[in-house]
Amino acid sequence: MAIDEELANRLRSSLSDRGVEWDEKRMFGSLIFMVGGAIALGVRGGGGLLVRVDPSEGESLLQDVGSWYAQQALMGERDMGPSWLDVSPDAVEDEAGLEHWVAAALRR
């Protein structure tokens, strides 16, 4: 599935507006945004985001938005743990949603 270039551009704008420097790499079937040499976010095919958060925040972020909008990310059939969240395209279709997840990733 192709990367959602519109979402990637919105993410670039968000990071740029915050003064964040990042690198981009394609991996895990996503366009990964690395901040400070570590994975922070990834644009998934189909428009969702892979978001890396502080592990102490992962569970509360999931409870706040519900399983319809985010869940723990999987690598194959293996759960990636509380730091890795798969966020649905619906959760980032507006700027408030995108900014919520970018902020969560940058708090890590």
PDB file of N, CA and C in Angstrom:
ATOM      1  N   MET A   1       0.842  -1.174   0.000  1.00  0.00           N
ATOM      2  CA  MET A   1       0.000   0.000   0.000  1.00  0.00           C
ATOM      3  C   MET A   1       0.892   1.243   0.000  1.00  0.00           C
ATOM      4  N   ALA A   2       0.550   2.208  -0.790  1.00  0.00           N
ATOM      5  CA  ALA A   2       1.350   3.426  -0.931  1.00  0.00           C
ATOM      6  C   ALA A   2       1.238   4.307   0.317  1.00  0.00           C
ATOM      7  N   ILE A   3       2.312   5.018   0.580  1.00  0.00           N
ATOM      8  CA  ILE A   3       2.345   5.966   1.693  1.00  0.00           C
ATOM      9  C   ILE A   3       1.407   7.126   1.371  1.00  0.00           C
ATOM     10  N   ASP A   4       0.700   7.617   2.357  1.00  0.00           N
ATOM     11  CA  ASP A   4      -0.193   8.761   2.211  1.00  0.00           C
ATOM     12  C   ASP A   4       0.672  10.026   2.180  1.00  0.00           C
ATOM     13  N   GLU A   5       0.965  10.511   0.986  1.00  0.00           N
ATOM     14  CA  GLU A   5       1.862  11.667   0.842  1.00  0.00           C
ATOM     15  C   GLU A   5       1.276  12.941   1.430  1.00  0.00           C
ATOM     16  N   GLU A   6      -0.039  13.081   1.389  1.00  0.00           N
ATOM     17  CA  GLU A   6      -0.661  14.263   1.992  1.00  0.00           C
ATOM     18  C   GLU A   6      -0.424  14.277   3.499  1.00  0.00           C
ATOM     19  N   LEU A   7      -0.602  13.128   4.139  1.00  0.00           N
ATOM     20  CA  LEU A   7      -0.344  13.040   5.575  1.00  0.00           C
ATOM     21  C   LEU A   7       1.140  13.267   5.866  1.00  0.00           C
ATOM     22  N   ALA A   8       2.015  12.730   5.039  1.00  0.00           N
ATOM     23  CA  ALA A   8       3.454  12.951   5.222  1.00  0.00           C
ATOM     24  C   ALA A   8       3.784  14.443   5.147  1.00  0.00           C
ATOM     25  N   ASN A   9       3.178  15.145   4.212  1.00  0.00           N
ATOM     26  CA  ASN A   9       3.420  16.587   4.092  1.00  0.00           C
ATOM     27  C   ASN A   9       2.865  17.355   5.290  1.00  0.00           C
ATOM     28  N   ARG A  10       1.707  16.934   5.789  1.00  0.00           N
ATOM     29  CA  ARG A  10       1.149  17.570   6.987  1.00  0.00           C
ATOM     30  C   ARG A  10       2.058  17.335   8.189  1.00  0.00           C
ATOM     31  N   LEU A  11       2.616  16.147   8.290  1.00  0.00           N
ATOM     32  CA  LEU A  11       3.532  15.830   9.385  1.00  0.00           C
ATOM     33  C   LEU A  11       4.815  16.647   9.264  1.00  0.00           C
ATOM     34  N   ARG A  12       5.329  16.767   8.053  1.00  0.00           N
ATOM     35  CA  ARG A  12       6.522  17.611   7.843  1.00  0.00           C
ATOM     36  C   ARG A  12       6.252  19.046   8.288  1.00  0.00           C
ATOM     37  N   SER A  13       5.088  19.572   7.923  1.00  0.00           N
ATOM     38  CA  SER A  13       4.732  20.945   8.311  1.00  0.00           C
ATOM     39  C   SER A  13       4.632  21.086   9.820  1.00  0.00           C
ATOM     40  N   SER A  14       4.023  20.098  10.465  1.00  0.00           N
ATOM     41  CA  SER A  14       3.882  20.141  11.919  1.00  0.00           C
ATOM     42  C   SER A  14       5.246  20.152  12.597  1.00  0.00           C
ATOM     43  N   LEU A  15       6.121  19.275  12.179  1.00  0.00           N
ATOM     44  CA  LEU A  15       7.455  19.227  12.773  1.00  0.00           C
ATOM     45  C   LEU A  15       8.231  20.514  12.493  1.00  0.00           C
ATOM     46  N   SER A  16       8.140  20.997  11.278  1.00  0.00           N
ATOM     47  CA  SER A  16       8.829  22.230  10.905  1.00  0.00           C
ATOM     48  C   SER A  16       8.312  23.416  11.729  1.00  0.00           C
ATOM     49  N   ASP A  17       6.988  23.523  11.865  1.00  0.00           N
ATOM     50  CA  ASP A  17       6.391  24.614  12.639  1.00  0.00           C
ATOM     51  C   ASP A  17       6.849  24.592  14.096  1.00  0.00           C
ATOM     52  N   ARG A  18       7.179  23.416  14.622  1.00  0.00           N
ATOM     53  CA  ARG A  18       7.644  23.271  16.002  1.00  0.00           C
ATOM     54  C   ARG A  18       9.155  23.467  16.116  1.00  0.00           C
ATOM     55  N   GLY A  19       9.830  23.654  14.975  1.00  0.00           N
ATOM     56  CA  GLY A  19      11.270  23.830  14.989  1.00  0.00           C
ATOM     57  C   GLY A  19      12.037  22.531  15.212  1.00  0.00           C
ATOM     58  N   VAL A  20      11.387  21.406  14.922  1.00  0.00           N
ATOM     59  CA  VAL A  20      11.996  20.093  15.135  1.00  0.00           C
ATOM     60  C   VAL A  20      12.774  19.686  13.891  1.00  0.00           C
ATOM     61  N   GLU A  21      13.979  19.190  14.087  1.00  0.00           N
ATOM     62  CA  GLU A  21      14.760  18.625  12.980  1.00  0.00           C
ATOM     63  C   GLU A  21      14.528  17.126  12.951  1.00  0.00           C
ATOM     64  N   TRP A  22      14.430  16.556  11.752  1.00  0.00           N
ATOM     65  CA  TRP A  22      14.147  15.136  11.616  1.00  0.00           C
ATOM     66  C   TRP A  22      14.812  14.582  10.375  1.00  0.00           C
ATOM     67  N   ASP A  23      14.911  13.272  10.341  1.00  0.00           N
ATOM     68  CA  ASP A  23      15.346  12.535   9.153  1.00  0.00           C
ATOM     69  C   ASP A  23      14.205  11.604   8.769  1.00  0.00           C
ATOM     70  N   GLU A  24      14.134  11.258   7.499  1.00  0.00           N
ATOM     71  CA  GLU A  24      13.103  10.351   7.007  1.00  0.00           C
ATOM     72  C   GLU A  24      13.751   9.107   6.418  1.00  0.00           C
ATOM     73  N   LYS A  25      13.141   7.961   6.707  1.00  0.00           N
ATOM     74  CA  LYS A  25      13.596   6.683   6.148  1.00  0.00           C
ATOM     75  C   LYS A  25      12.377   5.819   5.883  1.00  0.00           C
ATOM     76  N   ARG A  26      12.464   5.016   4.856  1.00  0.00           N
ATOM     77  CA  ARG A  26      11.393   4.048   4.597  1.00  0.00           C
ATOM     78  C   ARG A  26      11.764   2.729   5.265  1.00  0.00           C
ATOM     79  N   MET A  27      10.882   2.281   6.155  1.00  0.00           N
ATOM     80  CA  MET A  27      11.048   0.979   6.816  1.00  0.00           C
ATOM     81  C   MET A  27       9.712   0.570   7.425  1.00  0.00           C
ATOM     82  N   PHE A  28       9.574  -0.710   7.699  1.00  0.00           N
ATOM     83  CA  PHE A  28       8.354  -1.261   8.286  1.00  0.00           C
ATOM     84  C   PHE A  28       7.125  -0.963   7.427  1.00  0.00           C
ATOM     85  N   GLY A  29       7.295  -0.778   6.143  1.00  0.00           N
ATOM     86  CA  GLY A  29       6.165  -0.446   5.275  1.00  0.00           C
ATOM     87  C   GLY A  29       5.640   0.956   5.517  1.00  0.00           C
ATOM     88  N   SER A  30       6.468   1.803   6.118  1.00  0.00           N
ATOM     89  CA  SER A  30       6.068   3.166   6.484  1.00  0.00           C
ATOM     90  C   SER A  30       7.159   4.151   6.084  1.00  0.00           C
ATOM     91  N   LEU A  31       6.802   5.417   6.063  1.00  0.00           N
ATOM     92  CA  LEU A  31       7.785   6.492   5.949  1.00  0.00           C
ATOM     93  C   LEU A  31       8.041   6.948   7.382  1.00  0.00           C
ATOM     94  N   ILE A  32       9.220   6.633   7.899  1.00  0.00           N
ATOM     95  CA  ILE A  32       9.556   6.870   9.300  1.00  0.00           C
ATOM     96  C   ILE A  32      10.202   8.247   9.463  1.00  0.00           C
ATOM     97  N   PHE A  33       9.771   8.952  10.499  1.00  0.00           N
ATOM     98  CA  PHE A  33      10.335  10.248  10.861  1.00  0.00           C
ATOM     99  C   PHE A  33      11.140  10.039  12.136  1.00  0.00           C
ATOM    100  N   MET A  34      12.442  10.279  12.026  1.00  0.00           N
ATOM    101  CA  MET A  34      13.346  10.079  13.151  1.00  0.00           C
ATOM    102  C   MET A  34      13.729  11.440  13.733  1.00  0.00           C
ATOM    103  N   VAL A  35      13.602  11.557  15.033  1.00  0.00           N
ATOM    104  CA  VAL A  35      13.937  12.792  15.746  1.00  0.00           C
ATOM    105  C   VAL A  35      15.033  12.443  16.745  1.00  0.00           C
ATOM    106  N   GLY A  36      16.134  13.155  16.684  1.00  0.00           N
ATOM    107  CA  GLY A  36      17.244  12.865  17.584  1.00  0.00           C
ATOM    108  C   GLY A  36      17.803  11.463  17.386  1.00  0.00           C
ATOM    109  N   GLY A  37      17.726  10.950  16.171  1.00  0.00           N
ATOM    110  CA  GLY A  37      18.265   9.633  15.852  1.00  0.00           C
ATOM    111  C   GLY A  37      17.367   8.461  16.218  1.00  0.00           C
ATOM    112  N   ALA A  38      16.189   8.732  16.758  1.00  0.00           N
ATOM    113  CA  ALA A  38      15.263   7.661  17.159  1.00  0.00           C
ATOM    114  C   ALA A  38      13.939   7.808  16.421  1.00  0.00           C
ATOM    115  N   ILE A  39      13.295   6.690  16.182  1.00  0.00           N
ATOM    116  CA  ILE A  39      11.982   6.714  15.528  1.00  0.00           C
ATOM    117  C   ILE A  39      10.996   7.458  16.425  1.00  0.00           C
ATOM    118  N   ALA A  40      10.287   8.419  15.839  1.00  0.00           N
ATOM    119  CA  ALA A  40       9.250   9.153  16.566  1.00  0.00           C
ATOM    120  C   ALA A  40       7.870   8.849  15.981  1.00  0.00           C
ATOM    121  N   LEU A  41       7.767   8.918  14.663  1.00  0.00           N
ATOM    122  CA  LEU A  41       6.490   8.746  13.973  1.00  0.00           C
ATOM    123  C   LEU A  41       6.718   8.056  12.642  1.00  0.00           C
ATOM    124  N   GLY A  42       5.663   7.470  12.120  1.00  0.00           N
ATOM    125  CA  GLY A  42       5.731   6.875  10.798  1.00  0.00           C
ATOM    126  C   GLY A  42       4.399   6.999  10.094  1.00  0.00           C
ATOM    127  N   VAL A  43       4.438   7.411   8.848  1.00  0.00           N
ATOM    128  CA  VAL A  43       3.216   7.472   8.041  1.00  0.00           C
ATOM    129  C   VAL A  43       3.030   6.105   7.405  1.00  0.00           C
ATOM    130  N   ARG A  44       1.901   5.489   7.705  1.00  0.00           N
ATOM    131  CA  ARG A  44       1.588   4.151   7.204  1.00  0.00           C
ATOM    132  C   ARG A  44       0.883   4.240   5.860  1.00  0.00           C
ATOM    133  N   GLY A  45       0.962   3.163   5.114  1.00  0.00           N
ATOM    134  CA  GLY A  45       0.144   3.065   3.923  1.00  0.00           C
ATOM    135  C   GLY A  45      -1.309   3.102   4.345  1.00  0.00           C
ATOM    136  N   GLY A  46      -2.145   3.813   3.621  1.00  0.00           N
ATOM    137  CA  GLY A  46      -3.555   3.916   3.990  1.00  0.00           C
ATOM    138  C   GLY A  46      -3.864   5.090   4.894  1.00  0.00           C
ATOM    139  N   GLY A  47      -2.841   5.823   5.333  1.00  0.00           N
ATOM    140  CA  GLY A  47      -3.091   7.063   6.053  1.00  0.00           C
ATOM    141  C   GLY A  47      -2.959   7.035   7.551  1.00  0.00           C
ATOM    142  N   GLY A  48      -2.680   5.918   8.152  1.00  0.00           N
ATOM    143  CA  GLY A  48      -2.512   5.894   9.601  1.00  0.00           C
ATOM    144  C   GLY A  48      -1.104   6.272  10.010  1.00  0.00           C
ATOM    145  N   LEU A  49      -0.906   6.397  11.302  1.00  0.00           N
ATOM    146  CA  LEU A  49       0.406   6.735  11.849  1.00  0.00           C
ATOM    147  C   LEU A  49       0.904   5.633  12.772  1.00  0.00           C
ATOM    148  N   LEU A  50       2.191   5.415  12.745  1.00  0.00           N
ATOM    149  CA  LEU A  50       2.887   4.667  13.780  1.00  0.00           C
ATOM    150  C   LEU A  50       3.464   5.745  14.693  1.00  0.00           C
ATOM    151  N   VAL A  51       3.144   5.678  15.981  1.00  0.00           N
ATOM    152  CA  VAL A  51       3.579   6.714  16.910  1.00  0.00           C
ATOM    153  C   VAL A  51       4.327   6.054  18.060  1.00  0.00           C
ATOM    154  N   ARG A  52       5.530   6.525  18.308  1.00  0.00           N
ATOM    155  CA  ARG A  52       6.311   6.028  19.440  1.00  0.00           C
ATOM    156  C   ARG A  52       6.155   7.015  20.584  1.00  0.00           C
ATOM    157  N   VAL A  53       5.671   6.520  21.711  1.00  0.00           N
ATOM    158  CA  VAL A  53       5.394   7.381  22.862  1.00  0.00           C
ATOM    159  C   VAL A  53       6.166   6.877  24.077  1.00  0.00           C
ATOM    160  N   ASP A  54       6.180   7.680  25.112  1.00  0.00           N
ATOM    161  CA  ASP A  54       6.751   7.258  26.385  1.00  0.00           C
ATOM    162  C   ASP A  54       5.951   6.043  26.858  1.00  0.00           C
ATOM    163  N   PRO A  55       6.617   4.947  27.224  1.00  0.00           N
ATOM    164  CA  PRO A  55       5.881   3.749  27.620  1.00  0.00           C
ATOM    165  C   PRO A  55       4.932   3.969  28.796  1.00  0.00           C
ATOM    166  N   SER A  56       5.250   4.935  29.644  1.00  0.00           N
ATOM    167  CA  SER A  56       4.357   5.203  30.778  1.00  0.00           C
ATOM    168  C   SER A  56       3.069   5.902  30.340  1.00  0.00           C
ATOM    169  N   GLU A  57       3.042   6.454  29.133  1.00  0.00           N
ATOM    170  CA  GLU A  57       1.870   7.153  28.603  1.00  0.00           C
ATOM    171  C   GLU A  57       1.028   6.297  27.663  1.00  0.00           C
ATOM    172  N   GLY A  58       1.610   5.231  27.135  1.00  0.00           N
ATOM    173  CA  GLY A  58       0.939   4.458  26.101  1.00  0.00           C
ATOM    174  C   GLY A  58      -0.460   4.009  26.458  1.00  0.00           C
ATOM    175  N   GLU A  59      -0.606   3.396  27.622  1.00  0.00           N
ATOM    176  CA  GLU A  59      -1.912   2.868  28.027  1.00  0.00           C
ATOM    177  C   GLU A  59      -2.952   3.976  28.201  1.00  0.00           C
ATOM    178  N   SER A  60      -2.551   5.087  28.825  1.00  0.00           N
ATOM    179  CA  SER A  60      -3.517   6.176  29.039  1.00  0.00           C
ATOM    180  C   SER A  60      -3.912   6.832  27.714  1.00  0.00           C
ATOM    181  N   LEU A  61      -2.981   6.942  26.777  1.00  0.00           N
ATOM    182  CA  LEU A  61      -3.330   7.487  25.457  1.00  0.00           C
ATOM    183  C   LEU A  61      -4.344   6.588  24.762  1.00  0.00           C
ATOM    184  N   LEU A  62      -4.156   5.285  24.871  1.00  0.00           N
ATOM    185  CA  LEU A  62      -5.101   4.349  24.259  1.00  0.00           C
ATOM    186  C   LEU A  62      -6.475   4.447  24.910  1.00  0.00           C
ATOM    187  N   GLN A  63      -6.505   4.563  26.223  1.00  0.00           N
ATOM    188  CA  GLN A  63      -7.788   4.679  26.920  1.00  0.00           C
ATOM    189  C   GLN A  63      -8.500   5.974  26.566  1.00  0.00           C
ATOM    190  N   ASP A  64      -7.740   7.057  26.402  1.00  0.00           N
ATOM    191  CA  ASP A  64      -8.333   8.353  26.078  1.00  0.00           C
ATOM    192  C   ASP A  64      -9.030   8.355  24.726  1.00  0.00           C
ATOM    193  N   VAL A  65      -8.449   7.671  23.742  1.00  0.00           N
ATOM    194  CA  VAL A  65      -9.009   7.745  22.387  1.00  0.00           C
ATOM    195  C   VAL A  65      -9.835   6.522  22.013  1.00  0.00           C
ATOM    196  N   GLY A  66      -9.652   5.419  22.698  1.00  0.00           N
ATOM    197  CA  GLY A  66     -10.417   4.215  22.395  1.00  0.00           C
ATOM    198  C   GLY A  66      -9.800   3.396  21.281  1.00  0.00           C
ATOM    199  N   SER A  67     -10.144   2.125  21.265  1.00  0.00           N
ATOM    200  CA  SER A  67      -9.529   1.192  20.315  1.00  0.00           C
ATOM    201  C   SER A  67      -9.906   1.475  18.870  1.00  0.00           C
ATOM    202  N   TRP A  68     -10.978   2.209  18.637  1.00  0.00           N
ATOM    203  CA  TRP A  68     -11.354   2.549  17.274  1.00  0.00           C
ATOM    204  C   TRP A  68     -10.294   3.454  16.634  1.00  0.00           C
ATOM    205  N   TYR A  69      -9.652   4.284  17.435  1.00  0.00           N
ATOM    206  CA  TYR A  69      -8.707   5.266  16.910  1.00  0.00           C
ATOM    207  C   TYR A  69      -7.240   4.904  17.079  1.00  0.00           C
ATOM    208  N   ALA A  70      -6.920   4.034  18.029  1.00  0.00           N
ATOM    209  CA  ALA A  70      -5.523   3.647  18.222  1.00  0.00           C
ATOM    210  C   ALA A  70      -5.464   2.318  18.966  1.00  0.00           C
ATOM    211  N   GLN A  71      -4.387   1.614  18.722  1.00  0.00           N
ATOM    212  CA  GLN A  71      -4.129   0.353  19.422  1.00  0.00           C
ATOM    213  C   GLN A  71      -2.629   0.133  19.462  1.00  0.00           C
ATOM    214  N   GLN A  72      -2.193  -0.809  20.313  1.00  0.00           N
ATOM    215  CA  GLN A  72      -0.772  -1.124  20.325  1.00  0.00           C
ATOM    216  C   GLN A  72      -0.396  -1.688  18.970  1.00  0.00           C
ATOM    217  N   ALA A  73       0.735  -1.249  18.456  1.00  0.00           N
ATOM    218  CA  ALA A  73       1.200  -1.682  17.134  1.00  0.00           C
ATOM    219  C   ALA A  73       1.682  -3.126  17.190  1.00  0.00           C
ATOM    220  N   LEU A  74       1.553  -3.787  16.068  1.00  0.00           N
ATOM    221  CA  LEU A  74       2.019  -5.163  15.930  1.00  0.00           C
ATOM    222  C   LEU A  74       3.122  -5.223  14.892  1.00  0.00           C
ATOM    223  N   MET A  75       4.072  -6.099  15.131  1.00  0.00           N
ATOM    224  CA  MET A  75       5.101  -6.420  14.140  1.00  0.00           C
ATOM    225  C   MET A  75       4.843  -7.874  13.784  1.00  0.00           C
ATOM    226  N   GLY A  76       4.212  -8.070  12.646  1.00  0.00           N
ATOM    227  CA  GLY A  76       3.722  -9.404  12.320  1.00  0.00           C
ATOM    228  C   GLY A  76       2.584  -9.722  13.273  1.00  0.00           C
ATOM    229  N   GLU A  77       2.736 -10.755  14.058  1.00  0.00           N
ATOM    230  CA  GLU A  77       1.718 -11.099  15.054  1.00  0.00           C
ATOM    231  C   GLU A  77       2.143 -10.707  16.466  1.00  0.00           C
ATOM    232  N   ARG A  78       3.322 -10.128  16.597  1.00  0.00           N
ATOM    233  CA  ARG A  78       3.870  -9.783  17.910  1.00  0.00           C
ATOM    234  C   ARG A  78       3.537  -8.341  18.307  1.00  0.00           C
ATOM    235  N   ASP A  79       3.043  -8.166  19.506  1.00  0.00           N
ATOM    236  CA  ASP A  79       2.757  -6.858  20.083  1.00  0.00           C
ATOM    237  C   ASP A  79       4.083  -6.127  20.299  1.00  0.00           C
ATOM    238  N   MET A  80       4.172  -4.881  19.847  1.00  0.00           N
ATOM    239  CA  MET A  80       5.419  -4.127  19.966  1.00  0.00           C
ATOM    240  C   MET A  80       5.586  -3.451  21.327  1.00  0.00           C
ATOM    241  N   GLY A  81       4.600  -3.538  22.194  1.00  0.00           N
ATOM    242  CA  GLY A  81       4.709  -2.969  23.532  1.00  0.00           C
ATOM    243  C   GLY A  81       4.043  -1.609  23.650  1.00  0.00           C
ATOM    244  N   PRO A  82       3.992  -1.076  24.859  1.00  0.00           N
ATOM    245  CA  PRO A  82       3.232   0.144  25.136  1.00  0.00           C
ATOM    246  C   PRO A  82       3.793   1.419  24.518  1.00  0.00           C
ATOM    247  N   SER A  83       5.008   1.370  24.004  1.00  0.00           N
ATOM    248  CA  SER A  83       5.605   2.569  23.395  1.00  0.00           C
ATOM    249  C   SER A  83       5.179   2.773  21.949  1.00  0.00           C
ATOM    250  N   TRP A  84       4.648   1.742  21.323  1.00  0.00           N
ATOM    251  CA  TRP A  84       4.363   1.778  19.890  1.00  0.00           C
ATOM    252  C   TRP A  84       2.868   1.701  19.647  1.00  0.00           C
ATOM    253  N   LEU A  85       2.311   2.756  19.081  1.00  0.00           N
ATOM    254  CA  LEU A  85       0.876   2.817  18.837  1.00  0.00           C
ATOM    255  C   LEU A  85       0.589   2.953  17.356  1.00  0.00           C
ATOM    256  N   ASP A  86      -0.423   2.240  16.926  1.00  0.00           N
ATOM    257  CA  ASP A  86      -0.924   2.324  15.559  1.00  0.00           C
ATOM    258  C   ASP A  86      -2.165   3.203  15.610  1.00  0.00           C
ATOM    259  N   VAL A  87      -2.119   4.357  14.969  1.00  0.00           N
ATOM    260  CA  VAL A  87      -3.191   5.336  15.024  1.00  0.00           C
ATOM    261  C   VAL A  87      -3.938   5.324  13.690  1.00  0.00           C
ATOM    262  N   SER A  88      -5.251   5.241  13.759  1.00  0.00           N
ATOM    263  CA  SER A  88      -6.056   5.128  12.544  1.00  0.00           C
ATOM    264  C   SER A  88      -6.063   6.436  11.750  1.00  0.00           C
ATOM    265  N   PRO A  89      -6.335   6.338  10.449  1.00  0.00           N
ATOM    266  CA  PRO A  89      -6.431   7.542   9.625  1.00  0.00           C
ATOM    267  C   PRO A  89      -7.498   8.514  10.133  1.00  0.00           C
ATOM    268  N   ASP A  90      -8.602   7.998  10.676  1.00  0.00           N
ATOM    269  CA  ASP A  90      -9.665   8.864  11.194  1.00  0.00           C
ATOM    270  C   ASP A  90      -9.171   9.757  12.325  1.00  0.00           C
ATOM    271  N   ALA A  91      -8.221   9.263  13.100  1.00  0.00           N
ATOM    272  CA  ALA A  91      -7.725  10.009  14.255  1.00  0.00           C
ATOM    273  C   ALA A  91      -6.831  11.177  13.872  1.00  0.00           C
ATOM    274  N   VAL A  92      -6.359  11.201  12.626  1.00  0.00           N
ATOM    275  CA  VAL A  92      -5.456  12.278  12.193  1.00  0.00           C
ATOM    276  C   VAL A  92      -5.978  13.011  10.961  1.00  0.00           C
ATOM    277  N   GLU A  93      -7.275  12.884  10.696  1.00  0.00           N
ATOM    278  CA  GLU A  93      -7.811  13.544   9.507  1.00  0.00           C
ATOM    279  C   GLU A  93      -7.912  15.055   9.668  1.00  0.00           C
ATOM    280  N   ASP A  94      -7.972  15.535  10.922  1.00  0.00           N
ATOM    281  CA  ASP A  94      -7.958  16.987  11.122  1.00  0.00           C
ATOM    282  C   ASP A  94      -6.664  17.385  11.833  1.00  0.00           C
ATOM    283  N   GLU A  95      -6.394  18.669  11.849  1.00  0.00           N
ATOM    284  CA  GLU A  95      -5.128  19.149  12.415  1.00  0.00           C
ATOM    285  C   GLU A  95      -5.042  18.913  13.918  1.00  0.00           C
ATOM    286  N   ALA A  96      -6.154  19.029  14.630  1.00  0.00           N
ATOM    287  CA  ALA A  96      -6.128  18.803  16.081  1.00  0.00           C
ATOM    288  C   ALA A  96      -5.709  17.369  16.390  1.00  0.00           C
ATOM    289  N   GLY A  97      -6.228  16.428  15.631  1.00  0.00           N
ATOM    290  CA  GLY A  97      -5.859  15.031  15.834  1.00  0.00           C
ATOM    291  C   GLY A  97      -4.393  14.785  15.546  1.00  0.00           C
ATOM    292  N   LEU A  98      -3.911  15.311  14.428  1.00  0.00           N
ATOM    293  CA  LEU A  98      -2.502  15.136  14.084  1.00  0.00           C
ATOM    294  C   LEU A  98      -1.611  15.767  15.153  1.00  0.00           C
ATOM    295  N   GLU A  99      -1.944  16.971  15.577  1.00  0.00           N
ATOM    296  CA  GLU A  99      -1.125  17.658  16.579  1.00  0.00           C
ATOM    297  C   GLU A  99      -1.110  16.906  17.906  1.00  0.00           C
ATOM    298  N   HIS A 100      -2.215  16.283  18.274  1.00  0.00           N
ATOM    299  CA  HIS A 100      -2.275  15.473  19.498  1.00  0.00           C
ATOM    300  C   HIS A 100      -1.217  14.377  19.457  1.00  0.00           C
ATOM    301  N   TRP A 101      -1.137  13.655  18.325  1.00  0.00           N
ATOM    302  CA  TRP A 101      -0.218  12.520  18.225  1.00  0.00           C
ATOM    303  C   TRP A 101       1.229  12.971  18.035  1.00  0.00           C
ATOM    304  N   VAL A 102       1.451  14.071  17.332  1.00  0.00           N
ATOM    305  CA  VAL A 102       2.815  14.595  17.197  1.00  0.00           C
ATOM    306  C   VAL A 102       3.331  15.014  18.579  1.00  0.00           C
ATOM    307  N   ALA A 103       2.491  15.707  19.337  1.00  0.00           N
ATOM    308  CA  ALA A 103       2.900  16.133  20.686  1.00  0.00           C
ATOM    309  C   ALA A 103       3.235  14.919  21.556  1.00  0.00           C
ATOM    310  N   ALA A 104       2.417  13.882  21.475  1.00  0.00           N
ATOM    311  CA  ALA A 104       2.672  12.673  22.271  1.00  0.00           C
ATOM    312  C   ALA A 104       4.018  12.050  21.902  1.00  0.00           C
ATOM    313  N   ALA A 105       4.310  11.997  20.607  1.00  0.00           N
ATOM    314  CA  ALA A 105       5.573  11.416  20.153  1.00  0.00           C
ATOM    315  C   ALA A 105       6.764  12.260  20.611  1.00  0.00           C
ATOM    316  N   LEU A 106       6.626  13.554  20.586  1.00  0.00           N
ATOM    317  CA  LEU A 106       7.743  14.431  20.945  1.00  0.00           C
ATOM    318  C   LEU A 106       7.969  14.523  22.451  1.00  0.00           C
ATOM    319  N   ARG A 107       6.994  14.123  23.255  1.00  0.00           N
ATOM    320  CA  ARG A 107       7.183  14.109  24.728  1.00  0.00           C
ATOM    321  C   ARG A 107       8.106  12.976  25.154  1.00  0.00           C
ATOM    322  N   ARG A 108       8.267  11.976  24.305  1.00  0.00           N
ATOM    323  CA  ARG A 108       9.082  10.819  24.644  1.00  0.00           C
ATOM    324  C   ARG A 108      10.474  11.274  24.882  1.00  0.00           C
TER     325      ARG A 108
END
